[in-house]
């Protein structure tokens, strides 16, 4: 009986600790989503510029510059992918914390 009561109080204390963490994580996820939406416009323009420069390099036979542009393009895509992965991980953690708090 005392173990059950002790477990209840420990769970309440953990929920009280998790509540501010959930609030901070929610704000960080919201800011990350806004930053991702805003940066998508600039990254899209950057990718179009890289593609245009790559086409120019192909016609001018500038193979070293083409390789550099392809590397930069792949790095931009990798950064975008990692940004989305971290955003999804944060959302998943936030959802798990919310489920724990309201259980």
N, C-alpha and C. Protein backbone atom coordinates (compact mmCIF):
# COMPACT_ATOMS: atom_id res chain seq x y z
N UNK A 1 0.82 -1.19 0.00
CA UNK A 1 0.00 0.00 0.00
C UNK A 1 0.86 1.26 0.00
N UNK A 2 1.93 1.28 0.82
CA UNK A 2 2.79 2.46 0.86
C UNK A 2 3.61 2.59 -0.42
N UNK A 3 3.92 1.47 -1.05
CA UNK A 3 4.66 1.52 -2.31
C UNK A 3 3.79 2.15 -3.39
N UNK A 4 2.53 1.84 -3.39
CA UNK A 4 1.60 2.39 -4.37
C UNK A 4 1.45 3.90 -4.18
N UNK A 5 1.35 4.33 -2.92
CA UNK A 5 1.24 5.76 -2.62
C UNK A 5 2.53 6.48 -2.98
N UNK A 6 3.67 5.87 -2.67
CA UNK A 6 4.96 6.46 -3.01
C UNK A 6 5.11 6.58 -4.53
N UNK A 7 4.70 5.54 -5.26
CA UNK A 7 4.74 5.59 -6.73
C UNK A 7 3.85 6.69 -7.28
N UNK A 8 2.70 6.90 -6.66
CA UNK A 8 1.79 7.97 -7.10
C UNK A 8 2.43 9.33 -6.93
N UNK A 9 3.08 9.56 -5.77
CA UNK A 9 3.73 10.85 -5.52
C UNK A 9 4.93 11.07 -6.44
N UNK A 10 5.67 10.02 -6.71
CA UNK A 10 6.81 10.13 -7.63
C UNK A 10 6.32 10.48 -9.03
N UNK A 11 5.21 9.86 -9.44
CA UNK A 11 4.66 10.15 -10.76
C UNK A 11 4.16 11.59 -10.84
N UNK A 12 3.55 12.09 -9.78
CA UNK A 12 3.10 13.49 -9.75
C UNK A 12 4.29 14.44 -9.83
N UNK A 13 5.35 14.13 -9.10
CA UNK A 13 6.54 14.99 -9.13
C UNK A 13 7.17 14.98 -10.53
N UNK A 14 7.25 13.81 -11.15
CA UNK A 14 7.80 13.73 -12.51
C UNK A 14 6.93 14.50 -13.50
N UNK A 15 5.63 14.46 -13.32
CA UNK A 15 4.73 15.22 -14.20
C UNK A 15 4.94 16.72 -14.02
N UNK A 16 5.14 17.15 -12.79
CA UNK A 16 5.39 18.57 -12.54
C UNK A 16 6.73 19.02 -13.13
N UNK A 17 7.70 18.13 -13.15
CA UNK A 17 9.00 18.46 -13.77
C UNK A 17 8.86 18.46 -15.29
N UNK A 18 8.07 17.55 -15.83
CA UNK A 18 7.94 17.43 -17.28
C UNK A 18 7.11 18.55 -17.89
N UNK A 19 6.27 19.21 -17.10
CA UNK A 19 5.41 20.26 -17.64
C UNK A 19 6.20 21.45 -18.19
N UNK A 20 7.19 22.02 -17.44
CA UNK A 20 7.97 23.11 -18.04
C UNK A 20 8.82 22.64 -19.23
N UNK A 21 9.29 21.39 -19.17
CA UNK A 21 10.06 20.86 -20.29
C UNK A 21 9.18 20.79 -21.53
N UNK A 22 7.92 20.39 -21.35
CA UNK A 22 6.97 20.34 -22.47
C UNK A 22 6.73 21.73 -23.03
N UNK A 23 6.61 22.71 -22.16
CA UNK A 23 6.38 24.09 -22.61
C UNK A 23 7.56 24.60 -23.43
N UNK A 24 8.77 24.39 -22.93
CA UNK A 24 9.97 24.84 -23.64
C UNK A 24 10.11 24.10 -24.96
N UNK A 25 9.87 22.80 -24.95
CA UNK A 25 9.97 22.01 -26.17
C UNK A 25 8.92 22.43 -27.19
N UNK A 26 7.74 22.77 -26.73
CA UNK A 26 6.70 23.25 -27.63
C UNK A 26 7.08 24.56 -28.30
N UNK A 27 7.68 25.48 -27.53
CA UNK A 27 8.12 26.76 -28.11
C UNK A 27 9.25 26.52 -29.10
N UNK A 28 10.18 25.65 -28.76
CA UNK A 28 11.30 25.36 -29.67
C UNK A 28 10.79 24.72 -30.96
N UNK A 29 9.83 23.80 -30.86
CA UNK A 29 9.28 23.16 -32.06
C UNK A 29 8.53 24.16 -32.92
N UNK A 30 7.81 25.08 -32.29
CA UNK A 30 7.09 26.10 -33.05
C UNK A 30 8.06 27.02 -33.77
N UNK A 31 9.11 27.45 -33.08
CA UNK A 31 10.11 28.30 -33.72
C UNK A 31 10.85 27.57 -34.84
N UNK A 32 11.12 26.28 -34.64
CA UNK A 32 11.80 25.50 -35.68
C UNK A 32 10.90 25.36 -36.90
N UNK A 33 9.61 25.17 -36.68
CA UNK A 33 8.69 25.04 -37.81
C UNK A 33 8.59 26.36 -38.58
N UNK A 34 8.50 27.48 -37.87
CA UNK A 34 8.45 28.78 -38.53
C UNK A 34 9.74 29.05 -39.29
N UNK A 35 10.89 28.73 -38.68
CA UNK A 35 12.18 28.94 -39.34
C UNK A 35 12.30 28.07 -40.59
N UNK A 36 11.81 26.84 -40.51
CA UNK A 36 11.88 25.95 -41.66
C UNK A 36 11.00 26.47 -42.80
N UNK A 37 9.80 26.93 -42.48
CA UNK A 37 8.91 27.45 -43.52
C UNK A 37 9.48 28.69 -44.18
N UNK A 38 10.07 29.58 -43.39
CA UNK A 38 10.64 30.80 -43.96
C UNK A 38 11.91 30.51 -44.76
N UNK A 39 12.72 29.60 -44.26
CA UNK A 39 13.98 29.33 -44.97
C UNK A 39 13.76 28.51 -46.24
N UNK A 40 12.62 27.87 -46.36
CA UNK A 40 12.36 27.07 -47.56
C UNK A 40 12.35 27.94 -48.82
N UNK A 41 11.85 29.16 -48.70
CA UNK A 41 11.84 30.05 -49.86
C UNK A 41 13.26 30.37 -50.31
N UNK A 42 14.14 30.70 -49.36
CA UNK A 42 15.51 31.06 -49.69
C UNK A 42 16.31 29.85 -50.17
N UNK A 43 16.06 28.71 -49.55
CA UNK A 43 16.78 27.50 -49.97
C UNK A 43 16.33 27.08 -51.37
N UNK A 44 15.03 27.24 -51.67
CA UNK A 44 14.54 26.94 -53.01
C UNK A 44 15.21 27.81 -54.06
N UNK A 45 15.35 29.10 -53.75
CA UNK A 45 16.02 30.01 -54.69
C UNK A 45 17.50 29.62 -54.82
N UNK A 46 18.12 29.24 -53.73
CA UNK A 46 19.53 28.83 -53.78
C UNK A 46 19.70 27.58 -54.64
N UNK A 47 18.80 26.62 -54.50
CA UNK A 47 18.88 25.39 -55.30
C UNK A 47 18.69 25.71 -56.78
N UNK A 48 17.75 26.59 -57.10
CA UNK A 48 17.56 26.98 -58.50
C UNK A 48 18.81 27.65 -59.06
N UNK A 49 19.45 28.49 -58.26
CA UNK A 49 20.68 29.15 -58.69
C UNK A 49 21.80 28.12 -58.92
N UNK A 50 21.91 27.16 -58.02
CA UNK A 50 22.94 26.12 -58.16
C UNK A 50 22.67 25.29 -59.42
N UNK A 51 21.41 24.98 -59.70
CA UNK A 51 21.08 24.22 -60.91
C UNK A 51 21.43 25.03 -62.16
N UNK A 52 21.10 26.32 -62.14
CA UNK A 52 21.44 27.17 -63.29
C UNK A 52 22.94 27.25 -63.52
N UNK A 53 23.69 27.41 -62.45
CA UNK A 53 25.15 27.46 -62.57
C UNK A 53 25.71 26.12 -63.03
N UNK A 54 25.08 25.03 -62.59
CA UNK A 54 25.53 23.70 -63.02
C UNK A 54 25.32 23.51 -64.52
N UNK A 55 24.19 23.96 -65.02
CA UNK A 55 23.93 23.87 -66.47
C UNK A 55 24.96 24.69 -67.24
N UNK A 56 25.27 25.89 -66.74
CA UNK A 56 26.29 26.72 -67.38
C UNK A 56 27.65 26.01 -67.38
N UNK A 57 27.99 25.37 -66.26
CA UNK A 57 29.28 24.67 -66.17
C UNK A 57 29.35 23.49 -67.13
N UNK A 58 28.22 22.82 -67.34
CA UNK A 58 28.20 21.71 -68.29
C UNK A 58 28.48 22.22 -69.70
N UNK A 59 27.83 23.31 -70.10
CA UNK A 59 28.02 23.83 -71.46
C UNK A 59 29.40 24.44 -71.65
N UNK A 60 30.01 24.94 -70.58
CA UNK A 60 31.34 25.53 -70.70
C UNK A 60 32.46 24.53 -70.38
N UNK A 61 32.11 23.31 -70.07
CA UNK A 61 33.07 22.25 -69.74
C UNK A 61 33.94 22.62 -68.52
N UNK A 62 33.31 23.20 -67.51
CA UNK A 62 34.00 23.55 -66.26
C UNK A 62 33.68 22.45 -65.23
N UNK A 63 34.43 21.34 -65.35
CA UNK A 63 34.07 20.15 -64.58
C UNK A 63 34.38 20.27 -63.10
N UNK A 64 35.45 20.96 -62.74
CA UNK A 64 35.77 21.14 -61.33
C UNK A 64 34.71 22.00 -60.64
N UNK A 65 34.31 23.09 -61.31
CA UNK A 65 33.27 23.93 -60.74
C UNK A 65 31.94 23.19 -60.66
N UNK A 66 31.67 22.33 -61.65
CA UNK A 66 30.45 21.53 -61.62
C UNK A 66 30.46 20.57 -60.42
N UNK A 67 31.61 19.96 -60.18
CA UNK A 67 31.72 19.06 -59.03
C UNK A 67 31.51 19.82 -57.72
N UNK A 68 32.06 21.02 -57.63
CA UNK A 68 31.86 21.84 -56.43
C UNK A 68 30.39 22.22 -56.26
N UNK A 69 29.74 22.59 -57.34
CA UNK A 69 28.32 22.96 -57.27
C UNK A 69 27.46 21.77 -56.87
N UNK A 70 27.76 20.60 -57.40
CA UNK A 70 27.01 19.40 -57.03
C UNK A 70 27.22 19.09 -55.55
N UNK A 71 28.45 19.24 -55.07
CA UNK A 71 28.73 19.04 -53.65
C UNK A 71 27.97 20.03 -52.77
N UNK A 72 27.94 21.28 -53.18
CA UNK A 72 27.19 22.29 -52.42
C UNK A 72 25.71 21.97 -52.43
N UNK A 73 25.18 21.58 -53.58
CA UNK A 73 23.77 21.21 -53.68
C UNK A 73 23.42 20.03 -52.79
N UNK A 74 24.27 19.02 -52.78
CA UNK A 74 24.04 17.86 -51.91
C UNK A 74 24.11 18.24 -50.43
N UNK A 75 25.03 19.15 -50.09
CA UNK A 75 25.13 19.60 -48.70
C UNK A 75 23.87 20.37 -48.28
N UNK A 76 23.33 21.17 -49.19
CA UNK A 76 22.10 21.91 -48.88
C UNK A 76 20.94 20.94 -48.69
N UNK A 77 20.82 19.94 -49.55
CA UNK A 77 19.76 18.94 -49.40
C UNK A 77 19.95 18.15 -48.11
N UNK A 78 21.19 17.80 -47.77
CA UNK A 78 21.44 17.06 -46.53
C UNK A 78 21.08 17.91 -45.31
N UNK A 79 21.41 19.20 -45.34
CA UNK A 79 21.06 20.08 -44.23
C UNK A 79 19.54 20.20 -44.09
N UNK A 80 18.85 20.30 -45.20
CA UNK A 80 17.38 20.35 -45.17
C UNK A 80 16.80 19.07 -44.60
N UNK A 81 17.34 17.94 -45.03
CA UNK A 81 16.86 16.65 -44.54
C UNK A 81 17.08 16.52 -43.04
N UNK A 82 18.27 16.88 -42.56
CA UNK A 82 18.56 16.78 -41.14
C UNK A 82 17.69 17.72 -40.32
N UNK A 83 17.41 18.90 -40.87
CA UNK A 83 16.54 19.85 -40.18
C UNK A 83 15.15 19.26 -39.99
N UNK A 84 14.63 18.62 -41.02
CA UNK A 84 13.30 18.00 -40.92
C UNK A 84 13.33 16.81 -39.97
N UNK A 85 14.40 16.03 -39.98
CA UNK A 85 14.51 14.88 -39.08
C UNK A 85 14.51 15.36 -37.63
N UNK A 86 15.31 16.39 -37.31
CA UNK A 86 15.35 16.90 -35.95
C UNK A 86 14.02 17.50 -35.53
N UNK A 87 13.33 18.13 -36.47
CA UNK A 87 12.02 18.69 -36.17
C UNK A 87 11.03 17.57 -35.84
N UNK A 88 11.06 16.49 -36.59
CA UNK A 88 10.16 15.37 -36.34
C UNK A 88 10.49 14.67 -35.02
N UNK A 89 11.78 14.55 -34.69
CA UNK A 89 12.17 13.95 -33.42
C UNK A 89 11.66 14.81 -32.26
N UNK A 90 11.79 16.12 -32.39
CA UNK A 90 11.28 17.02 -31.35
C UNK A 90 9.77 16.90 -31.19
N UNK A 91 9.05 16.81 -32.30
CA UNK A 91 7.59 16.65 -32.23
C UNK A 91 7.22 15.33 -31.57
N UNK A 92 7.97 14.27 -31.86
CA UNK A 92 7.71 12.97 -31.26
C UNK A 92 7.95 12.99 -29.75
N UNK A 93 9.04 13.62 -29.34
CA UNK A 93 9.32 13.74 -27.90
C UNK A 93 8.24 14.57 -27.22
N UNK A 94 7.82 15.65 -27.86
CA UNK A 94 6.78 16.50 -27.29
C UNK A 94 5.47 15.72 -27.12
N UNK A 95 5.13 14.92 -28.12
CA UNK A 95 3.90 14.14 -28.03
C UNK A 95 3.98 13.09 -26.92
N UNK A 96 5.14 12.44 -26.78
CA UNK A 96 5.32 11.46 -25.70
C UNK A 96 5.23 12.11 -24.33
N UNK A 97 5.82 13.31 -24.18
CA UNK A 97 5.73 14.01 -22.91
C UNK A 97 4.28 14.41 -22.61
N UNK A 98 3.57 14.86 -23.62
CA UNK A 98 2.16 15.23 -23.44
C UNK A 98 1.35 14.01 -23.01
N UNK A 99 1.60 12.87 -23.63
CA UNK A 99 0.89 11.66 -23.24
C UNK A 99 1.21 11.27 -21.80
N UNK A 100 2.48 11.44 -21.39
CA UNK A 100 2.85 11.12 -20.01
C UNK A 100 2.19 12.06 -19.01
N UNK A 101 2.16 13.35 -19.34
CA UNK A 101 1.59 14.31 -18.40
C UNK A 101 0.09 14.10 -18.22
N UNK A 102 -0.61 13.82 -19.30
CA UNK A 102 -2.06 13.69 -19.23
C UNK A 102 -2.52 12.25 -19.01
N UNK A 103 -1.60 11.36 -18.64
CA UNK A 103 -2.00 9.97 -18.37
C UNK A 103 -2.49 9.82 -16.94
